[in-house]
């Protein structure tokens, strides 16, 4: 399992840190899209890990490619946690 902790977010408008919600507790900025993006990323991380666990490397590469489209730096961190960073370069 990947050890990234994404249970909290920081509001891009006012900087308040909070658990994921659809609205900032302080300034009421709409955070729905960010929450959905976070959930998508977590889902892709789980699918990547599960694919590697069962040896489905094509699926793992597809998940890695999707993660790279969202955030290449995040993908690198995930691969480093899985000790796979050299395998995907």
PDB file of N, CA and C in Angstrom:
ATOM      1  N   UNK A   1       0.841  -1.181   0.000  1.00  0.00           N
ATOM      2  CA  UNK A   1       0.000   0.000   0.000  1.00  0.00           C
ATOM      3  C   UNK A   1       0.884   1.240   0.000  1.00  0.00           C
ATOM      4  N   UNK A   2       0.502   2.241  -0.746  1.00  0.00           N
ATOM      5  CA  UNK A   2       1.256   3.479  -0.834  1.00  0.00           C
ATOM      6  C   UNK A   2       1.004   4.304   0.429  1.00  0.00           C
ATOM      7  N   UNK A   3       2.044   4.910   0.937  1.00  0.00           N
ATOM      8  CA  UNK A   3       1.968   5.555   2.237  1.00  0.00           C
ATOM      9  C   UNK A   3       1.642   7.036   2.198  1.00  0.00           C
ATOM     10  N   UNK A   4       1.334   7.590   1.026  1.00  0.00           N
ATOM     11  CA  UNK A   4       0.988   9.006   0.970  1.00  0.00           C
ATOM     12  C   UNK A   4      -0.248   9.279   1.811  1.00  0.00           C
ATOM     13  N   UNK A   5      -0.186  10.335   2.579  1.00  0.00           N
ATOM     14  CA  UNK A   5      -1.330  10.708   3.401  1.00  0.00           C
ATOM     15  C   UNK A   5      -1.993  11.918   2.771  1.00  0.00           C
ATOM     16  N   UNK A   6      -3.122  11.698   2.154  1.00  0.00           N
ATOM     17  CA  UNK A   6      -3.850  12.799   1.524  1.00  0.00           C
ATOM     18  C   UNK A   6      -5.208  12.969   2.182  1.00  0.00           C
ATOM     19  N   UNK A   7      -5.231  12.894   3.500  1.00  0.00           N
ATOM     20  CA  UNK A   7      -6.494  13.039   4.211  1.00  0.00           C
ATOM     21  C   UNK A   7      -6.819  14.502   4.486  1.00  0.00           C
ATOM     22  N   UNK A   8      -5.840  15.376   4.309  1.00  0.00           N
ATOM     23  CA  UNK A   8      -6.054  16.809   4.542  1.00  0.00           C
ATOM     24  C   UNK A   8      -5.727  17.584   3.276  1.00  0.00           C
ATOM     25  N   UNK A   9      -6.345  18.754   3.186  1.00  0.00           N
ATOM     26  CA  UNK A   9      -6.062  19.636   2.058  1.00  0.00           C
ATOM     27  C   UNK A   9      -5.805  21.041   2.575  1.00  0.00           C
ATOM     28  N   UNK A  10      -5.258  21.851   1.710  1.00  0.00           N
ATOM     29  CA  UNK A  10      -5.031  23.253   2.039  1.00  0.00           C
ATOM     30  C   UNK A  10      -5.807  24.074   1.012  1.00  0.00           C
ATOM     31  N   UNK A  11      -6.625  24.979   1.482  1.00  0.00           N
ATOM     32  CA  UNK A  11      -7.430  25.823   0.606  1.00  0.00           C
ATOM     33  C   UNK A  11      -6.513  26.696  -0.245  1.00  0.00           C
ATOM     34  N   UNK A  12      -6.698  26.689  -1.569  1.00  0.00           N
ATOM     35  CA  UNK A  12      -5.849  27.525  -2.421  1.00  0.00           C
ATOM     36  C   UNK A  12      -6.138  29.016  -2.270  1.00  0.00           C
ATOM     37  N   UNK A  13      -7.286  29.353  -1.720  1.00  0.00           N
ATOM     38  CA  UNK A  13      -7.639  30.773  -1.560  1.00  0.00           C
ATOM     39  C   UNK A  13      -7.094  31.378  -0.279  1.00  0.00           C
ATOM     40  N   UNK A  14      -7.350  30.735   0.852  1.00  0.00           N
ATOM     41  CA  UNK A  14      -6.969  31.337   2.134  1.00  0.00           C
ATOM     42  C   UNK A  14      -5.870  30.566   2.873  1.00  0.00           C
ATOM     43  N   UNK A  15      -5.552  29.345   2.408  1.00  0.00           N
ATOM     44  CA  UNK A  15      -4.481  28.576   3.019  1.00  0.00           C
ATOM     45  C   UNK A  15      -4.884  27.747   4.226  1.00  0.00           C
ATOM     46  N   UNK A  16      -6.171  27.730   4.567  1.00  0.00           N
ATOM     47  CA  UNK A  16      -6.615  26.943   5.722  1.00  0.00           C
ATOM     48  C   UNK A  16      -6.417  25.456   5.450  1.00  0.00           C
ATOM     49  N   UNK A  17      -5.881  24.757   6.442  1.00  0.00           N
ATOM     50  CA  UNK A  17      -5.721  23.304   6.329  1.00  0.00           C
ATOM     51  C   UNK A  17      -6.916  22.634   6.991  1.00  0.00           C
ATOM     52  N   UNK A  18      -7.443  21.605   6.337  1.00  0.00           N
ATOM     53  CA  UNK A  18      -8.636  20.928   6.839  1.00  0.00           C
ATOM     54  C   UNK A  18      -8.745  19.555   6.208  1.00  0.00           C
ATOM     55  N   UNK A  19      -9.636  18.744   6.753  1.00  0.00           N
ATOM     56  CA  UNK A  19      -9.933  17.476   6.100  1.00  0.00           C
ATOM     57  C   UNK A  19     -10.697  17.789   4.818  1.00  0.00           C
ATOM     58  N   UNK A  20     -10.665  16.857   3.871  1.00  0.00           N
ATOM     59  CA  UNK A  20     -11.314  17.086   2.591  1.00  0.00           C
ATOM     60  C   UNK A  20     -12.801  17.309   2.770  1.00  0.00           C
ATOM     61  N   UNK A  21     -13.270  18.415   2.225  1.00  0.00           N
ATOM     62  CA  UNK A  21     -14.678  18.774   2.203  1.00  0.00           C
ATOM     63  C   UNK A  21     -14.957  19.489   0.887  1.00  0.00           C
ATOM     64  N   UNK A  22     -16.216  19.686   0.584  1.00  0.00           N
ATOM     65  CA  UNK A  22     -16.574  20.372  -0.652  1.00  0.00           C
ATOM     66  C   UNK A  22     -16.419  21.887  -0.557  1.00  0.00           C
ATOM     67  N   UNK A  23     -16.227  22.386   0.661  1.00  0.00           N
ATOM     68  CA  UNK A  23     -16.147  23.821   0.858  1.00  0.00           C
ATOM     69  C   UNK A  23     -15.135  24.118   1.964  1.00  0.00           C
ATOM     70  N   UNK A  24     -14.371  25.195   1.779  1.00  0.00           N
ATOM     71  CA  UNK A  24     -13.405  25.598   2.801  1.00  0.00           C
ATOM     72  C   UNK A  24     -14.143  26.039   4.059  1.00  0.00           C
ATOM     73  N   UNK A  25     -13.665  25.580   5.186  1.00  0.00           N
ATOM     74  CA  UNK A  25     -14.313  25.909   6.462  1.00  0.00           C
ATOM     75  C   UNK A  25     -14.161  27.392   6.805  1.00  0.00           C
ATOM     76  N   UNK A  26     -13.089  28.016   6.279  1.00  0.00           N
ATOM     77  CA  UNK A  26     -12.828  29.406   6.641  1.00  0.00           C
ATOM     78  C   UNK A  26     -13.445  30.391   5.636  1.00  0.00           C
ATOM     79  N   UNK A  27     -13.122  30.240   4.359  1.00  0.00           N
ATOM     80  CA  UNK A  27     -13.540  31.254   3.374  1.00  0.00           C
ATOM     81  C   UNK A  27     -14.670  30.788   2.452  1.00  0.00           C
ATOM     82  N   UNK A  28     -15.083  29.537   2.592  1.00  0.00           N
ATOM     83  CA  UNK A  28     -16.199  28.965   1.818  1.00  0.00           C
ATOM     84  C   UNK A  28     -15.907  28.792   0.331  1.00  0.00           C
ATOM     85  N   UNK A  29     -14.619  28.754  -0.041  1.00  0.00           N
ATOM     86  CA  UNK A  29     -14.254  28.463  -1.424  1.00  0.00           C
ATOM     87  C   UNK A  29     -14.710  27.053  -1.770  1.00  0.00           C
ATOM     88  N   UNK A  30     -15.208  26.876  -2.993  1.00  0.00           N
ATOM     89  CA  UNK A  30     -15.653  25.569  -3.465  1.00  0.00           C
ATOM     90  C   UNK A  30     -14.432  24.684  -3.737  1.00  0.00           C
ATOM     91  N   UNK A  31     -14.322  23.590  -3.009  1.00  0.00           N
ATOM     92  CA  UNK A  31     -13.183  22.671  -3.145  1.00  0.00           C
ATOM     93  C   UNK A  31     -13.581  21.344  -3.778  1.00  0.00           C
ATOM     94  N   UNK A  32     -14.793  21.287  -4.332  1.00  0.00           N
ATOM     95  CA  UNK A  32     -15.300  20.025  -4.888  1.00  0.00           C
ATOM     96  C   UNK A  32     -14.390  19.429  -5.952  1.00  0.00           C
ATOM     97  N   UNK A  33     -13.953  20.245  -6.908  1.00  0.00           N
ATOM     98  CA  UNK A  33     -13.105  19.729  -7.987  1.00  0.00           C
ATOM     99  C   UNK A  33     -11.775  19.199  -7.454  1.00  0.00           C
ATOM    100  N   UNK A  34     -11.203  19.896  -6.487  1.00  0.00           N
ATOM    101  CA  UNK A  34      -9.953  19.423  -5.886  1.00  0.00           C
ATOM    102  C   UNK A  34     -10.167  18.108  -5.138  1.00  0.00           C
ATOM    103  N   UNK A  35     -11.291  17.992  -4.438  1.00  0.00           N
ATOM    104  CA  UNK A  35     -11.600  16.751  -3.713  1.00  0.00           C
ATOM    105  C   UNK A  35     -11.761  15.600  -4.692  1.00  0.00           C
ATOM    106  N   UNK A  36     -12.466  15.836  -5.795  1.00  0.00           N
ATOM    107  CA  UNK A  36     -12.653  14.787  -6.800  1.00  0.00           C
ATOM    108  C   UNK A  36     -11.323  14.393  -7.447  1.00  0.00           C
ATOM    109  N   UNK A  37     -10.469  15.371  -7.703  1.00  0.00           N
ATOM    110  CA  UNK A  37      -9.144  15.079  -8.254  1.00  0.00           C
ATOM    111  C   UNK A  37      -8.339  14.231  -7.275  1.00  0.00           C
ATOM    112  N   UNK A  38      -8.385  14.587  -6.001  1.00  0.00           N
ATOM    113  CA  UNK A  38      -7.689  13.816  -4.974  1.00  0.00           C
ATOM    114  C   UNK A  38      -8.204  12.376  -4.936  1.00  0.00           C
ATOM    115  N   UNK A  39      -9.506  12.197  -5.013  1.00  0.00           N
ATOM    116  CA  UNK A  39     -10.079  10.848  -5.010  1.00  0.00           C
ATOM    117  C   UNK A  39      -9.648  10.059  -6.237  1.00  0.00           C
ATOM    118  N   UNK A  40      -9.580  10.717  -7.395  1.00  0.00           N
ATOM    119  CA  UNK A  40      -9.119  10.046  -8.617  1.00  0.00           C
ATOM    120  C   UNK A  40      -7.671   9.598  -8.486  1.00  0.00           C
ATOM    121  N   UNK A  41      -6.847  10.471  -7.925  1.00  0.00           N
ATOM    122  CA  UNK A  41      -5.432  10.138  -7.736  1.00  0.00           C
ATOM    123  C   UNK A  41      -5.293   8.947  -6.794  1.00  0.00           C
ATOM    124  N   UNK A  42      -6.035   8.965  -5.692  1.00  0.00           N
ATOM    125  CA  UNK A  42      -5.970   7.849  -4.744  1.00  0.00           C
ATOM    126  C   UNK A  42      -6.429   6.550  -5.406  1.00  0.00           C
ATOM    127  N   UNK A  43      -7.451   6.623  -6.231  1.00  0.00           N
ATOM    128  CA  UNK A  43      -7.931   5.439  -6.938  1.00  0.00           C
ATOM    129  C   UNK A  43      -6.867   4.905  -7.899  1.00  0.00           C
ATOM    130  N   UNK A  44      -6.230   5.800  -8.632  1.00  0.00           N
ATOM    131  CA  UNK A  44      -5.166   5.373  -9.548  1.00  0.00           C
ATOM    132  C   UNK A  44      -3.991   4.763  -8.789  1.00  0.00           C
ATOM    133  N   UNK A  45      -3.652   5.329  -7.641  1.00  0.00           N
ATOM    134  CA  UNK A  45      -2.572   4.763  -6.822  1.00  0.00           C
ATOM    135  C   UNK A  45      -2.921   3.341  -6.391  1.00  0.00           C
ATOM    136  N   UNK A  46      -4.147   3.150  -5.930  1.00  0.00           N
ATOM    137  CA  UNK A  46      -4.583   1.805  -5.509  1.00  0.00           C
ATOM    138  C   UNK A  46      -4.533   0.824  -6.672  1.00  0.00           C
ATOM    139  N   UNK A  47      -5.034   1.261  -7.835  1.00  0.00           N
ATOM    140  CA  UNK A  47      -5.041   0.385  -9.011  1.00  0.00           C
ATOM    141  C   UNK A  47      -3.620   0.042  -9.454  1.00  0.00           C
ATOM    142  N   UNK A  48      -2.726   1.013  -9.389  1.00  0.00           N
ATOM    143  CA  UNK A  48      -1.326   0.771  -9.743  1.00  0.00           C
ATOM    144  C   UNK A  48      -0.716  -0.260  -8.812  1.00  0.00           C
ATOM    145  N   UNK A  49      -0.911  -0.083  -7.524  1.00  0.00           N
ATOM    146  CA  UNK A  49      -0.364  -1.012  -6.537  1.00  0.00           C
ATOM    147  C   UNK A  49      -0.959  -2.412  -6.703  1.00  0.00           C
ATOM    148  N   UNK A  50      -2.267  -2.476  -6.884  1.00  0.00           N
ATOM    149  CA  UNK A  50      -2.929  -3.775  -7.062  1.00  0.00           C
ATOM    150  C   UNK A  50      -2.437  -4.473  -8.328  1.00  0.00           C
ATOM    151  N   UNK A  51      -2.279  -3.715  -9.408  1.00  0.00           N
ATOM    152  CA  UNK A  51      -1.795  -4.305 -10.660  1.00  0.00           C
ATOM    153  C   UNK A  51      -0.390  -4.871 -10.486  1.00  0.00           C
ATOM    154  N   UNK A  52       0.456  -4.142  -9.785  1.00  0.00           N
ATOM    155  CA  UNK A  52       1.809  -4.642  -9.534  1.00  0.00           C
ATOM    156  C   UNK A  52       1.785  -5.881  -8.647  1.00  0.00           C
ATOM    157  N   UNK A  53       0.900  -5.876  -7.655  1.00  0.00           N
ATOM    158  CA  UNK A  53       0.803  -7.018  -6.739  1.00  0.00           C
ATOM    159  C   UNK A  53       0.435  -8.313  -7.459  1.00  0.00           C
ATOM    160  N   UNK A  54      -0.420  -8.206  -8.483  1.00  0.00           N
ATOM    161  CA  UNK A  54      -0.853  -9.415  -9.199  1.00  0.00           C
ATOM    162  C   UNK A  54      -0.051  -9.656 -10.474  1.00  0.00           C
ATOM    163  N   UNK A  55       0.907  -8.775 -10.752  1.00  0.00           N
ATOM    164  CA  UNK A  55       1.766  -8.966 -11.923  1.00  0.00           C
ATOM    165  C   UNK A  55       1.155  -8.491 -13.230  1.00  0.00           C
ATOM    166  N   UNK A  56       0.144  -7.636 -13.174  1.00  0.00           N
ATOM    167  CA  UNK A  56      -0.480  -7.089 -14.380  1.00  0.00           C
ATOM    168  C   UNK A  56       0.255  -5.803 -14.751  1.00  0.00           C
ATOM    169  N   UNK A  57       1.388  -5.959 -15.416  1.00  0.00           N
ATOM    170  CA  UNK A  57       2.261  -4.826 -15.678  1.00  0.00           C
ATOM    171  C   UNK A  57       1.698  -3.873 -16.723  1.00  0.00           C
ATOM    172  N   UNK A  58       0.905  -4.369 -17.655  1.00  0.00           N
ATOM    173  CA  UNK A  58       0.262  -3.470 -18.623  1.00  0.00           C
ATOM    174  C   UNK A  58      -0.691  -2.513 -17.914  1.00  0.00           C
ATOM    175  N   UNK A  59      -1.476  -3.040 -16.993  1.00  0.00           N
ATOM    176  CA  UNK A  59      -2.389  -2.195 -16.223  1.00  0.00           C
ATOM    177  C   UNK A  59      -1.605  -1.221 -15.354  1.00  0.00           C
ATOM    178  N   UNK A  60      -0.515  -1.678 -14.776  1.00  0.00           N
ATOM    179  CA  UNK A  60       0.313  -0.801 -13.948  1.00  0.00           C
ATOM    180  C   UNK A  60       0.860   0.363 -14.773  1.00  0.00           C
ATOM    181  N   UNK A  61       1.306   0.077 -15.983  1.00  0.00           N
ATOM    182  CA  UNK A  61       1.831   1.135 -16.850  1.00  0.00           C
ATOM    183  C   UNK A  61       0.714   2.105 -17.239  1.00  0.00           C
ATOM    184  N   UNK A  62      -0.470   1.586 -17.534  1.00  0.00           N
ATOM    185  CA  UNK A  62      -1.604   2.469 -17.868  1.00  0.00           C
ATOM    186  C   UNK A  62      -1.914   3.408 -16.698  1.00  0.00           C
ATOM    187  N   UNK A  63      -1.936   2.866 -15.492  1.00  0.00           N
ATOM    188  CA  UNK A  63      -2.195   3.705 -14.311  1.00  0.00           C
ATOM    189  C   UNK A  63      -1.084   4.731 -14.126  1.00  0.00           C
ATOM    190  N   UNK A  64       0.145   4.303 -14.316  1.00  0.00           N
ATOM    191  CA  UNK A  64       1.279   5.217 -14.180  1.00  0.00           C
ATOM    192  C   UNK A  64       1.190   6.338 -15.216  1.00  0.00           C
ATOM    193  N   UNK A  65       0.787   6.005 -16.432  1.00  0.00           N
ATOM    194  CA  UNK A  65       0.657   7.024 -17.475  1.00  0.00           C
ATOM    195  C   UNK A  65      -0.436   8.035 -17.122  1.00  0.00           C
ATOM    196  N   UNK A  66      -1.535   7.561 -16.576  1.00  0.00           N
ATOM    197  CA  UNK A  66      -2.610   8.474 -16.164  1.00  0.00           C
ATOM    198  C   UNK A  66      -2.151   9.376 -15.025  1.00  0.00           C
ATOM    199  N   UNK A  67      -1.438   8.803 -14.067  1.00  0.00           N
ATOM    200  CA  UNK A  67      -0.908   9.611 -12.962  1.00  0.00           C
ATOM    201  C   UNK A  67       0.080  10.654 -13.473  1.00  0.00           C
ATOM    202  N   UNK A  68       0.878  10.276 -14.451  1.00  0.00           N
ATOM    203  CA  UNK A  68       1.856  11.209 -15.004  1.00  0.00           C
ATOM    204  C   UNK A  68       1.161  12.393 -15.672  1.00  0.00           C
ATOM    205  N   UNK A  69       0.022  12.141 -16.301  1.00  0.00           N
ATOM    206  CA  UNK A  69      -0.731  13.233 -16.921  1.00  0.00           C
ATOM    207  C   UNK A  69      -1.244  14.208 -15.867  1.00  0.00           C
ATOM    208  N   UNK A  70      -1.631  13.687 -14.716  1.00  0.00           N
ATOM    209  CA  UNK A  70      -2.153  14.539 -13.647  1.00  0.00           C
ATOM    210  C   UNK A  70      -1.026  15.293 -12.957  1.00  0.00           C
ATOM    211  N   UNK A  71       0.034  14.569 -12.591  1.00  0.00           N
ATOM    212  CA  UNK A  71       1.114  15.190 -11.824  1.00  0.00           C
ATOM    213  C   UNK A  71       2.373  14.342 -11.931  1.00  0.00           C
ATOM    214  N   UNK A  72       3.300  14.707 -12.830  1.00  0.00           N
ATOM    215  CA  UNK A  72       4.522  13.911 -13.004  1.00  0.00           C
ATOM    216  C   UNK A  72       5.368  13.809 -11.740  1.00  0.00           C
ATOM    217  N   UNK A  73       5.386  14.848 -10.928  1.00  0.00           N
ATOM    218  CA  UNK A  73       6.172  14.821  -9.689  1.00  0.00           C
ATOM    219  C   UNK A  73       5.571  13.807  -8.722  1.00  0.00           C
ATOM    220  N   UNK A  74       4.257  13.783  -8.625  1.00  0.00           N
ATOM    221  CA  UNK A  74       3.580  12.821  -7.761  1.00  0.00           C
ATOM    222  C   UNK A  74       3.878  11.399  -8.210  1.00  0.00           C
ATOM    223  N   UNK A  75       3.835  11.150  -9.516  1.00  0.00           N
ATOM    224  CA  UNK A  75       4.142   9.806 -10.019  1.00  0.00           C
ATOM    225  C   UNK A  75       5.547   9.398  -9.603  1.00  0.00           C
ATOM    226  N   UNK A  76       6.500  10.302  -9.722  1.00  0.00           N
ATOM    227  CA  UNK A  76       7.880   9.979  -9.327  1.00  0.00           C
ATOM    228  C   UNK A  76       7.945   9.609  -7.850  1.00  0.00           C
ATOM    229  N   UNK A  77       7.231  10.357  -7.002  1.00  0.00           N
ATOM    230  CA  UNK A  77       7.211  10.051  -5.570  1.00  0.00           C
ATOM    231  C   UNK A  77       6.603   8.668  -5.309  1.00  0.00           C
ATOM    232  N   UNK A  78       5.527   8.357  -6.006  1.00  0.00           N
ATOM    233  CA  UNK A  78       4.875   7.055  -5.837  1.00  0.00           C
ATOM    234  C   UNK A  78       5.812   5.939  -6.253  1.00  0.00           C
ATOM    235  N   UNK A  79       6.465   6.104  -7.395  1.00  0.00           N
ATOM    236  CA  UNK A  79       7.381   5.068  -7.872  1.00  0.00           C
ATOM    237  C   UNK A  79       8.572   4.908  -6.933  1.00  0.00           C
ATOM    238  N   UNK A  80       9.035   5.998  -6.341  1.00  0.00           N
ATOM    239  CA  UNK A  80      10.129   5.906  -5.376  1.00  0.00           C
ATOM    240  C   UNK A  80       9.679   5.135  -4.139  1.00  0.00           C
ATOM    241  N   UNK A  81       8.454   5.362  -3.690  1.00  0.00           N
ATOM    242  CA  UNK A  81       7.945   4.637  -2.533  1.00  0.00           C
ATOM    243  C   UNK A  81       7.839   3.148  -2.826  1.00  0.00           C
ATOM    244  N   UNK A  82       7.543   2.830  -4.071  1.00  0.00           N
ATOM    245  CA  UNK A  82       7.435   1.426  -4.471  1.00  0.00           C
ATOM    246  C   UNK A  82       8.787   0.852  -4.889  1.00  0.00           C
ATOM    247  N   UNK A  83       9.841   1.670  -4.797  1.00  0.00           N
ATOM    248  CA  UNK A  83      11.192   1.268  -5.227  1.00  0.00           C
ATOM    249  C   UNK A  83      11.220   0.855  -6.695  1.00  0.00           C
ATOM    250  N   UNK A  84      10.493   1.596  -7.523  1.00  0.00           N
ATOM    251  CA  UNK A  84      10.413   1.291  -8.956  1.00  0.00           C
ATOM    252  C   UNK A  84      10.877   2.441  -9.828  1.00  0.00           C
ATOM    253  N   UNK A  85      11.433   3.487  -9.271  1.00  0.00           N
ATOM    254  CA  UNK A  85      11.712   4.684 -10.057  1.00  0.00           C
ATOM    255  C   UNK A  85      12.646   4.407 -11.235  1.00  0.00           C
ATOM    256  N   UNK A  86      13.613   3.523 -11.094  1.00  0.00           N
ATOM    257  CA  UNK A  86      14.502   3.220 -12.206  1.00  0.00           C
ATOM    258  C   UNK A  86      13.805   2.393 -13.288  1.00  0.00           C
ATOM    259  N   UNK A  87      12.853   1.548 -12.904  1.00  0.00           N
ATOM    260  CA  UNK A  87      12.173   0.682 -13.851  1.00  0.00           C
ATOM    261  C   UNK A  87      11.318   1.451 -14.855  1.00  0.00           C
ATOM    262  N   UNK A  88      10.844   2.631 -14.491  1.00  0.00           N
ATOM    263  CA  UNK A  88       9.942   3.383 -15.348  1.00  0.00           C
ATOM    264  C   UNK A  88      10.610   4.556 -16.037  1.00  0.00           C
ATOM    265  N   UNK A  89      11.933   4.677 -15.940  1.00  0.00           N
ATOM    266  CA  UNK A  89      12.609   5.810 -16.598  1.00  0.00           C
ATOM    267  C   UNK A  89      13.072   5.436 -17.966  1.00  0.00           C
TER     268      UNK A  89
END
